[in-house]
């Protein structure tokens, strides 16, 4: 499976054009659609303030820092950093994208050669001195658990009374009037008859 996967990846890389992988190219293309809505106030060639809908962000290009920290976490410039890059009219996106999104790194990741494995009839037979037995399994002390361990985030089921359709009690201990379906609609109506 790994041999087939690595071979497919090496074939796919030959079709790619440019220095960045298609995911990074699509990301840059998507965020570059609304640059006109962002106001860039540059304090230097590498530092600027980007404004959008009353909010402000500081972008530092040479350090690849940005106040919302999306660029540091993902490795791809966010829309605010991309607006500043477009403002400087620098079309070389390779400088601002992490090296892991380059085609060269992708080729390097799948450059490993995996040798084919021998089939079962080609296995080398070895004579063992003694027979190897499975480990002895001891039964743990205590009564075995029957109920599964319920996680904290799982919602608990609530019991619904079949007589009055309310939660929190059973039909044997129900003191509420029983609900019966009315003829006009599918809703349940309380009955006036006493419980036997």
N, C-alpha and C. Protein backbone atom coordinates (compact mmCIF):
# COMPACT_ATOMS: atom_id res chain seq x y z
N UNK A 1 0.83 -1.21 0.00
CA UNK A 1 0.00 0.00 0.00
C UNK A 1 0.86 1.26 0.00
N UNK A 2 1.92 1.25 0.79
CA UNK A 2 2.81 2.42 0.83
C UNK A 2 3.55 2.59 -0.49
N UNK A 3 3.94 1.48 -1.10
CA UNK A 3 4.62 1.57 -2.40
C UNK A 3 3.71 2.21 -3.43
N UNK A 4 2.45 1.79 -3.47
CA UNK A 4 1.48 2.33 -4.43
C UNK A 4 1.22 3.81 -4.15
N UNK A 5 1.06 4.15 -2.87
CA UNK A 5 0.79 5.54 -2.50
C UNK A 5 1.95 6.45 -2.88
N UNK A 6 3.17 6.03 -2.56
CA UNK A 6 4.34 6.85 -2.88
C UNK A 6 4.50 7.02 -4.40
N UNK A 7 4.22 5.93 -5.14
CA UNK A 7 4.32 6.00 -6.60
C UNK A 7 3.30 6.98 -7.18
N UNK A 8 2.07 6.95 -6.66
CA UNK A 8 1.04 7.88 -7.13
C UNK A 8 1.42 9.32 -6.85
N UNK A 9 1.95 9.57 -5.65
CA UNK A 9 2.35 10.94 -5.29
C UNK A 9 3.47 11.43 -6.20
N UNK A 10 4.41 10.56 -6.53
CA UNK A 10 5.51 10.97 -7.41
C UNK A 10 5.02 11.25 -8.82
N UNK A 11 3.96 10.53 -9.27
CA UNK A 11 3.39 10.79 -10.59
C UNK A 11 2.62 12.11 -10.59
N UNK A 12 1.92 12.40 -9.48
CA UNK A 12 1.12 13.63 -9.40
C UNK A 12 2.02 14.86 -9.41
N UNK A 13 3.18 14.79 -8.74
CA UNK A 13 4.08 15.94 -8.64
C UNK A 13 4.58 16.37 -10.02
N UNK A 14 4.75 15.43 -10.95
CA UNK A 14 5.26 15.77 -12.28
C UNK A 14 4.30 16.67 -13.05
N UNK A 15 3.00 16.62 -12.71
CA UNK A 15 2.00 17.45 -13.41
C UNK A 15 1.89 18.86 -12.84
N UNK A 16 2.39 19.07 -11.64
CA UNK A 16 2.25 20.38 -10.99
C UNK A 16 3.17 21.40 -11.62
N UNK A 17 2.67 22.64 -11.70
CA UNK A 17 3.46 23.76 -12.22
C UNK A 17 3.59 24.80 -11.12
N UNK A 18 4.73 25.41 -11.03
CA UNK A 18 4.97 26.41 -10.00
C UNK A 18 5.75 25.84 -8.84
N UNK A 19 6.09 26.73 -7.90
CA UNK A 19 6.90 26.32 -6.76
C UNK A 19 6.07 25.87 -5.58
N UNK A 20 4.77 26.22 -5.54
CA UNK A 20 3.90 25.87 -4.41
C UNK A 20 2.97 24.73 -4.77
N UNK A 21 2.58 23.95 -3.75
CA UNK A 21 1.63 22.86 -3.96
C UNK A 21 0.25 23.45 -4.26
N UNK A 22 -0.64 22.71 -4.93
CA UNK A 22 -1.96 23.26 -5.30
C UNK A 22 -2.80 23.76 -4.13
N UNK A 23 -2.67 23.15 -2.93
CA UNK A 23 -3.45 23.61 -1.78
C UNK A 23 -3.06 25.04 -1.42
N UNK A 24 -1.76 25.33 -1.41
CA UNK A 24 -1.29 26.68 -1.10
C UNK A 24 -1.69 27.66 -2.19
N UNK A 25 -1.65 27.23 -3.45
CA UNK A 25 -2.05 28.11 -4.55
C UNK A 25 -3.54 28.45 -4.47
N UNK A 26 -4.38 27.45 -4.15
CA UNK A 26 -5.82 27.70 -4.02
C UNK A 26 -6.10 28.65 -2.85
N UNK A 27 -5.37 28.46 -1.74
CA UNK A 27 -5.55 29.32 -0.56
C UNK A 27 -5.24 30.78 -0.90
N UNK A 28 -4.14 31.01 -1.60
CA UNK A 28 -3.77 32.37 -1.97
C UNK A 28 -4.77 32.95 -2.96
N UNK A 29 -5.26 32.13 -3.87
CA UNK A 29 -6.25 32.60 -4.85
C UNK A 29 -7.56 32.98 -4.17
N UNK A 30 -7.98 32.20 -3.19
CA UNK A 30 -9.25 32.48 -2.49
C UNK A 30 -9.18 33.74 -1.65
N UNK A 31 -8.06 33.96 -0.95
CA UNK A 31 -7.98 35.13 -0.08
C UNK A 31 -7.69 36.41 -0.86
N UNK A 32 -7.26 36.28 -2.11
CA UNK A 32 -6.91 37.48 -2.88
C UNK A 32 -8.11 38.08 -3.60
N UNK A 33 -9.32 37.57 -3.37
CA UNK A 33 -10.50 38.08 -4.07
C UNK A 33 -11.01 39.40 -3.48
N UNK A 34 -10.86 39.62 -2.18
CA UNK A 34 -11.46 40.79 -1.52
C UNK A 34 -10.42 41.74 -0.96
N UNK A 35 -9.34 41.95 -1.69
CA UNK A 35 -8.30 42.85 -1.19
C UNK A 35 -8.76 44.31 -1.17
N UNK A 36 -9.73 44.67 -1.99
CA UNK A 36 -10.19 46.06 -2.06
C UNK A 36 -10.87 46.54 -0.79
N UNK A 37 -11.35 45.62 0.04
CA UNK A 37 -12.05 45.99 1.28
C UNK A 37 -11.09 46.27 2.43
N UNK A 38 -9.80 45.99 2.25
CA UNK A 38 -8.82 46.15 3.33
C UNK A 38 -7.99 47.40 3.08
N UNK A 39 -7.85 48.22 4.13
CA UNK A 39 -7.03 49.43 4.06
C UNK A 39 -5.69 49.14 4.72
N UNK A 40 -4.60 49.39 3.97
CA UNK A 40 -3.25 49.11 4.46
C UNK A 40 -2.54 50.43 4.72
N UNK A 41 -2.04 50.59 5.96
CA UNK A 41 -1.25 51.76 6.35
C UNK A 41 0.15 51.26 6.69
N UNK A 42 1.09 51.45 5.74
CA UNK A 42 2.44 50.92 5.92
C UNK A 42 3.28 51.91 6.71
N UNK A 43 3.96 51.41 7.75
CA UNK A 43 4.89 52.24 8.52
C UNK A 43 6.32 52.06 8.01
N UNK A 44 6.60 50.93 7.36
CA UNK A 44 7.89 50.68 6.72
C UNK A 44 7.66 49.65 5.62
N UNK A 45 8.73 49.18 5.01
CA UNK A 45 8.59 48.19 3.94
C UNK A 45 8.15 46.83 4.45
N UNK A 46 8.36 46.58 5.76
CA UNK A 46 8.04 45.27 6.31
C UNK A 46 6.99 45.31 7.42
N UNK A 47 6.57 46.49 7.85
CA UNK A 47 5.60 46.59 8.94
C UNK A 47 4.44 47.48 8.48
N UNK A 48 3.22 47.02 8.80
CA UNK A 48 2.04 47.79 8.39
C UNK A 48 0.87 47.46 9.31
N UNK A 49 -0.15 48.32 9.21
CA UNK A 49 -1.40 48.12 9.94
C UNK A 49 -2.50 47.93 8.91
N UNK A 50 -3.24 46.85 9.05
CA UNK A 50 -4.32 46.52 8.11
C UNK A 50 -5.64 46.74 8.81
N UNK A 51 -6.54 47.52 8.16
CA UNK A 51 -7.84 47.84 8.75
C UNK A 51 -8.95 47.19 7.93
N UNK A 52 -9.95 46.67 8.67
CA UNK A 52 -11.11 46.07 8.01
C UNK A 52 -12.29 46.13 8.95
N UNK A 53 -13.34 46.83 8.55
CA UNK A 53 -14.60 46.96 9.32
C UNK A 53 -14.35 47.40 10.75
N UNK A 54 -13.55 48.41 10.93
CA UNK A 54 -13.30 48.98 12.25
C UNK A 54 -12.28 48.23 13.09
N UNK A 55 -11.74 47.14 12.61
CA UNK A 55 -10.73 46.37 13.35
C UNK A 55 -9.37 46.59 12.71
N UNK A 56 -8.31 46.44 13.54
CA UNK A 56 -6.94 46.67 13.06
C UNK A 56 -6.04 45.50 13.43
N UNK A 57 -5.11 45.19 12.53
CA UNK A 57 -4.14 44.13 12.76
C UNK A 57 -2.76 44.62 12.35
N UNK A 58 -1.76 44.22 13.09
CA UNK A 58 -0.38 44.56 12.75
C UNK A 58 0.27 43.39 12.02
N UNK A 59 0.94 43.67 10.92
CA UNK A 59 1.59 42.65 10.11
C UNK A 59 3.07 42.99 9.98
N UNK A 60 3.94 42.01 10.28
CA UNK A 60 5.40 42.17 10.13
C UNK A 60 5.86 41.10 9.15
N UNK A 61 6.22 41.51 7.94
CA UNK A 61 6.53 40.56 6.87
C UNK A 61 7.85 39.83 7.09
N UNK A 62 8.93 40.56 7.47
CA UNK A 62 10.23 39.90 7.56
C UNK A 62 10.29 38.88 8.69
N UNK A 63 9.49 39.07 9.75
CA UNK A 63 9.44 38.10 10.86
C UNK A 63 8.29 37.11 10.72
N UNK A 64 7.44 37.32 9.72
CA UNK A 64 6.24 36.50 9.51
C UNK A 64 5.36 36.47 10.75
N UNK A 65 5.15 37.63 11.33
CA UNK A 65 4.31 37.74 12.53
C UNK A 65 3.08 38.55 12.20
N UNK A 66 2.05 38.27 12.97
CA UNK A 66 0.76 38.87 12.71
C UNK A 66 -0.05 38.75 13.99
N UNK A 67 -0.85 39.76 14.32
CA UNK A 67 -1.51 39.79 15.63
C UNK A 67 -2.54 38.69 15.84
N UNK A 68 -3.16 38.18 14.79
CA UNK A 68 -4.14 37.09 15.00
C UNK A 68 -3.49 35.71 15.01
N UNK A 69 -2.19 35.61 14.70
CA UNK A 69 -1.39 34.39 14.81
C UNK A 69 -1.80 33.27 13.86
N UNK A 70 -2.62 33.55 12.85
CA UNK A 70 -3.00 32.52 11.87
C UNK A 70 -1.80 32.14 11.02
N UNK A 71 -1.01 33.12 10.65
CA UNK A 71 0.16 32.89 9.80
C UNK A 71 1.18 32.01 10.52
N UNK A 72 1.40 32.26 11.82
CA UNK A 72 2.38 31.47 12.56
C UNK A 72 1.92 30.02 12.72
N UNK A 73 0.61 29.81 12.87
CA UNK A 73 0.09 28.47 13.14
C UNK A 73 -0.01 27.65 11.85
N UNK A 74 -0.58 28.21 10.80
CA UNK A 74 -0.84 27.46 9.57
C UNK A 74 0.34 27.42 8.62
N UNK A 75 1.18 28.45 8.66
CA UNK A 75 2.29 28.51 7.71
C UNK A 75 1.92 29.19 6.41
N UNK A 76 0.64 29.53 6.25
CA UNK A 76 0.17 30.24 5.06
C UNK A 76 -0.27 31.64 5.48
N UNK A 77 0.01 32.67 4.67
CA UNK A 77 -0.41 34.02 5.05
C UNK A 77 -1.93 34.15 5.05
N UNK A 78 -2.43 34.87 6.04
CA UNK A 78 -3.87 35.10 6.13
C UNK A 78 -4.23 36.25 5.20
N UNK A 79 -5.51 36.60 5.17
CA UNK A 79 -5.98 37.62 4.23
C UNK A 79 -5.40 38.98 4.55
N UNK A 80 -5.16 39.28 5.83
CA UNK A 80 -4.61 40.59 6.20
C UNK A 80 -3.14 40.71 5.78
N UNK A 81 -2.38 39.64 6.01
CA UNK A 81 -0.98 39.64 5.58
C UNK A 81 -0.90 39.65 4.06
N UNK A 82 -1.81 38.93 3.40
CA UNK A 82 -1.81 38.90 1.93
C UNK A 82 -2.18 40.25 1.35
N UNK A 83 -3.05 41.00 2.05
CA UNK A 83 -3.40 42.36 1.59
C UNK A 83 -2.17 43.26 1.64
N UNK A 84 -1.36 43.12 2.67
CA UNK A 84 -0.13 43.93 2.77
C UNK A 84 0.89 43.50 1.70
N UNK A 85 0.98 42.20 1.44
CA UNK A 85 1.90 41.71 0.41
C UNK A 85 1.47 42.24 -0.96
N UNK A 86 0.17 42.23 -1.23
CA UNK A 86 -0.33 42.79 -2.49
C UNK A 86 -0.10 44.29 -2.56
N UNK A 87 -0.17 44.97 -1.40
CA UNK A 87 0.07 46.41 -1.33
C UNK A 87 1.51 46.74 -1.71
N UNK A 88 2.45 45.88 -1.32
CA UNK A 88 3.86 46.10 -1.67
C UNK A 88 4.17 45.67 -3.11
N UNK A 89 3.16 45.10 -3.81
CA UNK A 89 3.28 44.65 -5.20
C UNK A 89 4.38 43.60 -5.37
N UNK A 90 4.49 42.72 -4.39
CA UNK A 90 5.44 41.63 -4.47
C UNK A 90 4.68 40.36 -4.85
N UNK A 91 4.92 39.87 -6.06
CA UNK A 91 4.19 38.69 -6.56
C UNK A 91 4.89 37.37 -6.22
N UNK A 92 6.01 37.43 -5.56
CA UNK A 92 6.75 36.23 -5.20
C UNK A 92 6.20 35.70 -3.86
N UNK A 93 5.18 34.85 -3.92
CA UNK A 93 4.52 34.32 -2.72
C UNK A 93 5.37 33.27 -2.02
N UNK A 94 6.39 32.74 -2.71
CA UNK A 94 7.22 31.68 -2.10
C UNK A 94 7.93 32.17 -0.85
N UNK A 95 8.23 33.46 -0.79
CA UNK A 95 8.94 34.01 0.38
C UNK A 95 8.06 34.03 1.62
N UNK A 96 6.75 34.11 1.44
CA UNK A 96 5.83 34.30 2.56
C UNK A 96 5.08 33.03 2.94
N UNK A 97 5.31 31.95 2.21
CA UNK A 97 4.66 30.67 2.51
C UNK A 97 5.70 29.76 3.15
N UNK A 98 5.27 28.96 4.12
CA UNK A 98 6.18 28.05 4.80
C UNK A 98 6.77 27.05 3.80
N UNK A 99 7.99 26.62 4.04
CA UNK A 99 8.68 25.73 3.09
C UNK A 99 8.00 24.38 2.93
N UNK A 100 7.15 23.98 3.89
CA UNK A 100 6.46 22.70 3.78
C UNK A 100 5.40 22.70 2.68
N UNK A 101 5.01 23.86 2.19
CA UNK A 101 4.02 23.96 1.12
C UNK A 101 4.67 24.10 -0.25
N UNK A 102 5.97 23.87 -0.35
CA UNK A 102 6.65 23.93 -1.64
C UNK A 102 6.68 22.56 -2.29
N UNK A 103 6.81 22.56 -3.61
CA UNK A 103 6.84 21.30 -4.36
C UNK A 103 8.12 20.52 -4.04
N UNK A 104 9.21 21.23 -3.79
CA UNK A 104 10.48 20.54 -3.47
C UNK A 104 10.36 19.73 -2.18
N UNK A 105 9.72 20.30 -1.16
CA UNK A 105 9.52 19.56 0.10
C UNK A 105 8.58 18.37 -0.10
N UNK A 106 7.58 18.53 -0.97
CA UNK A 106 6.65 17.44 -1.26
C UNK A 106 7.40 16.28 -1.94
N UNK A 107 8.27 16.63 -2.89
CA UNK A 107 9.07 15.59 -3.55
C UNK A 107 10.00 14.90 -2.56
N UNK A 108 10.56 15.69 -1.66
CA UNK A 108 11.47 15.13 -0.66
C UNK A 108 10.74 14.18 0.30
N UNK A 109 9.48 14.49 0.60
CA UNK A 109 8.71 13.63 1.51
C UNK A 109 8.41 12.27 0.91
N UNK A 110 8.20 12.22 -0.42
CA UNK A 110 7.85 10.96 -1.07
C UNK A 110 9.00 10.39 -1.90
N UNK A 111 10.22 10.82 -1.62
CA UNK A 111 11.40 10.31 -2.35
C UNK A 111 11.88 8.97 -1.81
N UNK A 112 11.39 8.55 -0.66
CA UNK A 112 11.85 7.30 -0.04
C UNK A 112 11.44 6.10 -0.90
N UNK A 113 12.36 5.20 -1.11
CA UNK A 113 12.08 3.99 -1.87
C UNK A 113 11.75 2.85 -0.91
N UNK A 114 10.65 2.19 -1.17
CA UNK A 114 10.22 1.05 -0.34
C UNK A 114 10.37 -0.20 -1.18
N UNK A 115 11.17 -1.15 -0.70
CA UNK A 115 11.40 -2.39 -1.44
C UNK A 115 10.21 -3.33 -1.34
N UNK A 116 9.97 -4.14 -2.36
CA UNK A 116 8.85 -5.08 -2.31
C UNK A 116 9.10 -6.18 -1.28
N UNK A 117 8.01 -6.65 -0.67
CA UNK A 117 8.11 -7.70 0.34
C UNK A 117 7.94 -9.08 -0.31
N UNK A 118 8.57 -10.04 0.27
CA UNK A 118 8.46 -11.41 -0.23
C UNK A 118 7.12 -12.01 0.18
N UNK A 119 6.58 -12.91 -0.66
CA UNK A 119 5.32 -13.58 -0.33
C UNK A 119 5.57 -14.68 0.69
N UNK A 120 4.49 -15.29 1.17
CA UNK A 120 4.60 -16.25 2.26
C UNK A 120 5.42 -17.49 1.87
N UNK A 121 5.32 -17.90 0.60
CA UNK A 121 6.07 -19.08 0.18
C UNK A 121 7.57 -18.81 0.04
N UNK A 122 7.97 -17.51 0.06
CA UNK A 122 9.39 -17.16 -0.04
C UNK A 122 10.02 -16.84 1.31
N UNK A 123 9.26 -16.98 2.38
CA UNK A 123 9.80 -16.69 3.70
C UNK A 123 10.91 -17.68 4.06
N UNK A 124 11.90 -17.19 4.77
CA UNK A 124 13.01 -18.05 5.21
C UNK A 124 12.55 -18.83 6.44
N UNK A 125 12.67 -20.13 6.35
CA UNK A 125 12.23 -20.98 7.47
C UNK A 125 13.39 -21.14 8.46
N UNK A 126 13.11 -20.93 9.72
CA UNK A 126 14.12 -21.10 10.76
C UNK A 126 13.63 -22.15 11.75
N UNK A 127 14.53 -22.95 12.22
CA UNK A 127 14.20 -23.99 13.19
C UNK A 127 14.37 -23.43 14.60
N UNK A 128 13.29 -23.33 15.32
CA UNK A 128 13.35 -22.84 16.70
C UNK A 128 13.69 -23.99 17.64
N UNK A 129 14.44 -23.68 18.69
CA UNK A 129 14.85 -24.72 19.64
C UNK A 129 13.66 -25.25 20.44
N UNK A 130 12.83 -24.35 20.91
CA UNK A 130 11.66 -24.77 21.67
C UNK A 130 10.40 -24.16 21.08
N UNK A 131 9.28 -24.77 21.36
CA UNK A 131 8.03 -24.27 20.83
C UNK A 131 7.60 -23.04 21.63
N UNK A 132 7.13 -22.04 20.94
CA UNK A 132 6.70 -20.79 21.58
C UNK A 132 5.19 -20.87 21.81
N UNK A 133 4.79 -20.72 23.06
CA UNK A 133 3.37 -20.78 23.41
C UNK A 133 2.84 -19.38 23.67
N UNK A 134 1.53 -19.19 23.52
CA UNK A 134 0.96 -17.88 23.83
C UNK A 134 1.06 -17.57 25.32
N UNK A 135 1.06 -16.30 25.69
CA UNK A 135 1.21 -15.96 27.11
C UNK A 135 0.01 -16.43 27.94
N UNK A 136 0.29 -16.74 29.21
CA UNK A 136 -0.75 -17.19 30.12
C UNK A 136 -1.53 -15.96 30.59
N UNK A 137 -2.83 -15.98 30.36
CA UNK A 137 -3.68 -14.84 30.73
C UNK A 137 -4.37 -15.17 32.04
N UNK A 138 -4.15 -14.34 33.05
CA UNK A 138 -4.80 -14.55 34.34
C UNK A 138 -6.06 -13.71 34.42
N UNK A 139 -7.07 -14.29 35.01
CA UNK A 139 -8.32 -13.56 35.17
C UNK A 139 -8.13 -12.51 36.26
N UNK A 140 -8.52 -11.23 35.98
CA UNK A 140 -8.34 -10.19 36.99
C UNK A 140 -9.25 -10.40 38.19
N UNK A 141 -8.81 -9.91 39.32
CA UNK A 141 -9.62 -10.07 40.53
C UNK A 141 -10.84 -9.15 40.47
N UNK A 142 -11.87 -9.55 41.20
CA UNK A 142 -13.08 -8.73 41.25
C UNK A 142 -14.11 -9.17 40.23
N UNK A 143 -15.30 -8.62 40.40
CA UNK A 143 -16.40 -8.93 39.50
C UNK A 143 -16.19 -8.23 38.16
N UNK A 144 -16.40 -8.91 37.04
CA UNK A 144 -16.18 -8.26 35.74
C UNK A 144 -17.21 -7.17 35.49
N UNK A 145 -16.78 -6.11 34.85
CA UNK A 145 -17.65 -4.98 34.55
C UNK A 145 -18.65 -5.36 33.46
N UNK A 146 -19.92 -4.99 33.66
CA UNK A 146 -20.95 -5.26 32.66
C UNK A 146 -21.34 -3.99 31.91
N UNK A 147 -21.37 -2.86 32.62
CA UNK A 147 -21.75 -1.60 31.97
C UNK A 147 -20.50 -0.92 31.43
N UNK A 148 -20.66 -0.30 30.27
CA UNK A 148 -19.53 0.40 29.66
C UNK A 148 -19.29 1.72 30.38
N UNK A 149 -18.09 2.25 30.25
CA UNK A 149 -17.72 3.51 30.86
C UNK A 149 -18.26 4.63 29.98
N UNK A 150 -19.15 5.45 30.52
CA UNK A 150 -19.81 6.52 29.75
C UNK A 150 -18.91 7.75 29.77
N UNK A 151 -18.59 8.33 28.60
CA UNK A 151 -17.77 9.55 28.59
C UNK A 151 -18.55 10.75 29.13
N UNK A 152 -17.79 11.77 29.58
CA UNK A 152 -18.42 12.94 30.19
C UNK A 152 -19.25 13.75 29.21
N UNK A 153 -18.83 13.80 27.95
CA UNK A 153 -19.53 14.65 26.99
C UNK A 153 -20.74 13.98 26.36
N UNK A 154 -21.00 12.70 26.68
CA UNK A 154 -22.15 12.01 26.12
C UNK A 154 -23.42 12.43 26.86
N UNK A 155 -24.46 12.73 26.10
CA UNK A 155 -25.72 13.16 26.71
C UNK A 155 -26.42 11.96 27.36
N UNK A 156 -27.01 12.21 28.52
CA UNK A 156 -27.69 11.14 29.26
C UNK A 156 -29.12 10.99 28.75
N UNK A 157 -29.56 9.75 28.68
CA UNK A 157 -30.93 9.49 28.24
C UNK A 157 -31.90 9.74 29.39
N UNK A 158 -33.00 10.39 29.07
CA UNK A 158 -34.02 10.64 30.07
C UNK A 158 -35.20 9.71 29.81
N UNK A 159 -35.72 9.13 30.89
CA UNK A 159 -36.85 8.20 30.76
C UNK A 159 -38.15 8.99 30.63
N UNK A 160 -38.95 8.60 29.65
CA UNK A 160 -40.23 9.27 29.40
C UNK A 160 -41.37 8.35 29.84
N UNK A 161 -42.28 8.90 30.62
CA UNK A 161 -43.43 8.13 31.11
C UNK A 161 -44.39 7.85 29.95
N UNK A 162 -44.71 6.57 29.70
CA UNK A 162 -45.62 6.26 28.59
C UNK A 162 -47.07 6.67 28.85
N UNK A 163 -47.39 6.96 30.09
CA UNK A 163 -48.78 7.30 30.44
C UNK A 163 -49.08 8.77 30.22
N UNK A 164 -48.20 9.66 30.76
CA UNK A 164 -48.47 11.11 30.67
C UNK A 164 -47.48 11.83 29.74
N UNK A 165 -46.51 11.13 29.19
CA UNK A 165 -45.52 11.68 28.27
C UNK A 165 -44.64 12.75 28.90
N UNK A 166 -44.39 12.67 30.21
CA UNK A 166 -43.49 13.59 30.89
C UNK A 166 -42.26 12.82 31.34
N UNK A 167 -41.17 13.57 31.63
CA UNK A 167 -39.90 12.96 31.98
C UNK A 167 -39.72 12.88 33.50
N UNK A 168 -38.91 11.91 33.93
CA UNK A 168 -38.48 11.86 35.32
C UNK A 168 -39.15 10.81 36.18
N UNK A 169 -40.11 10.06 35.68
CA UNK A 169 -40.76 9.03 36.49
C UNK A 169 -41.28 7.93 35.57
N UNK A 170 -41.74 6.81 36.21
CA UNK A 170 -42.26 5.66 35.47
C UNK A 170 -43.79 5.66 35.55
N UNK A 171 -44.38 4.80 34.75
CA UNK A 171 -45.86 4.75 34.71
C UNK A 171 -46.45 4.21 36.01
N UNK A 172 -45.70 3.39 36.74
CA UNK A 172 -46.23 2.83 38.00
C UNK A 172 -46.38 3.91 39.07
N UNK A 173 -45.49 4.87 39.07
CA UNK A 173 -45.53 5.92 40.10
C UNK A 173 -46.13 7.22 39.57
N UNK A 174 -46.74 7.19 38.38
CA UNK A 174 -47.28 8.39 37.76
C UNK A 174 -48.54 8.86 38.48
N UNK A 175 -48.57 10.13 38.85
CA UNK A 175 -49.74 10.72 39.51
C UNK A 175 -50.41 11.76 38.62
N UNK A 176 -49.89 11.97 37.42
CA UNK A 176 -50.46 12.93 36.47
C UNK A 176 -51.59 12.29 35.69
N UNK A 177 -52.51 13.08 35.14
CA UNK A 177 -53.58 12.51 34.31
C UNK A 177 -53.02 11.94 33.02
N UNK A 178 -53.59 10.83 32.57
CA UNK A 178 -53.10 10.17 31.37
C UNK A 178 -53.51 10.96 30.14
N UNK A 179 -52.65 10.94 29.11
CA UNK A 179 -52.94 11.62 27.86
C UNK A 179 -53.47 10.61 26.85
N UNK A 180 -54.53 10.99 26.12
CA UNK A 180 -55.11 10.14 25.09
C UNK A 180 -55.18 10.93 23.80
N UNK A 181 -55.01 10.27 22.64
CA UNK A 181 -55.08 11.02 21.37
C UNK A 181 -56.50 11.47 21.07
N UNK A 182 -56.62 12.72 20.60
CA UNK A 182 -57.94 13.23 20.24
C UNK A 182 -58.28 12.80 18.83
N UNK A 183 -59.57 12.85 18.46
CA UNK A 183 -60.00 12.40 17.14
C UNK A 183 -59.70 13.46 16.07
N UNK A 184 -59.67 14.75 16.47
CA UNK A 184 -59.47 15.83 15.49
C UNK A 184 -58.02 15.92 15.03
N UNK A 185 -57.08 15.71 15.94
CA UNK A 185 -55.67 15.88 15.60
C UNK A 185 -54.86 14.73 16.17
N UNK A 186 -53.59 14.74 15.85
CA UNK A 186 -52.69 13.69 16.32
C UNK A 186 -52.14 13.98 17.70
N UNK A 187 -52.47 15.15 18.30
CA UNK A 187 -51.95 15.50 19.60
C UNK A 187 -52.65 14.71 20.70
N UNK A 188 -51.97 14.61 21.83
CA UNK A 188 -52.52 13.90 22.98
C UNK A 188 -53.29 14.88 23.85
N UNK A 189 -54.44 14.43 24.34
CA UNK A 189 -55.26 15.23 25.24
C UNK A 189 -55.36 14.51 26.58
N UNK A 190 -55.38 15.24 27.70
CA UNK A 190 -55.50 14.56 28.99
C UNK A 190 -56.88 13.96 29.18
N UNK A 191 -56.89 12.73 29.71
CA UNK A 191 -58.17 12.06 29.92
C UNK A 191 -58.63 12.32 31.35
N UNK A 192 -59.94 12.32 31.52
CA UNK A 192 -60.51 12.57 32.85
C UNK A 192 -60.78 11.28 33.60
N UNK A 193 -60.58 10.15 32.92
CA UNK A 193 -60.85 8.88 33.58
C UNK A 193 -59.78 8.59 34.62
N UNK A 194 -60.24 7.98 35.69
CA UNK A 194 -59.32 7.62 36.79
C UNK A 194 -58.53 6.38 36.42
N UNK A 195 -57.35 6.31 36.98
CA UNK A 195 -56.48 5.16 36.76
C UNK A 195 -56.96 3.97 37.59
N UNK A 196 -56.99 2.78 36.97
CA UNK A 196 -57.42 1.58 37.68
C UNK A 196 -56.33 1.02 38.53
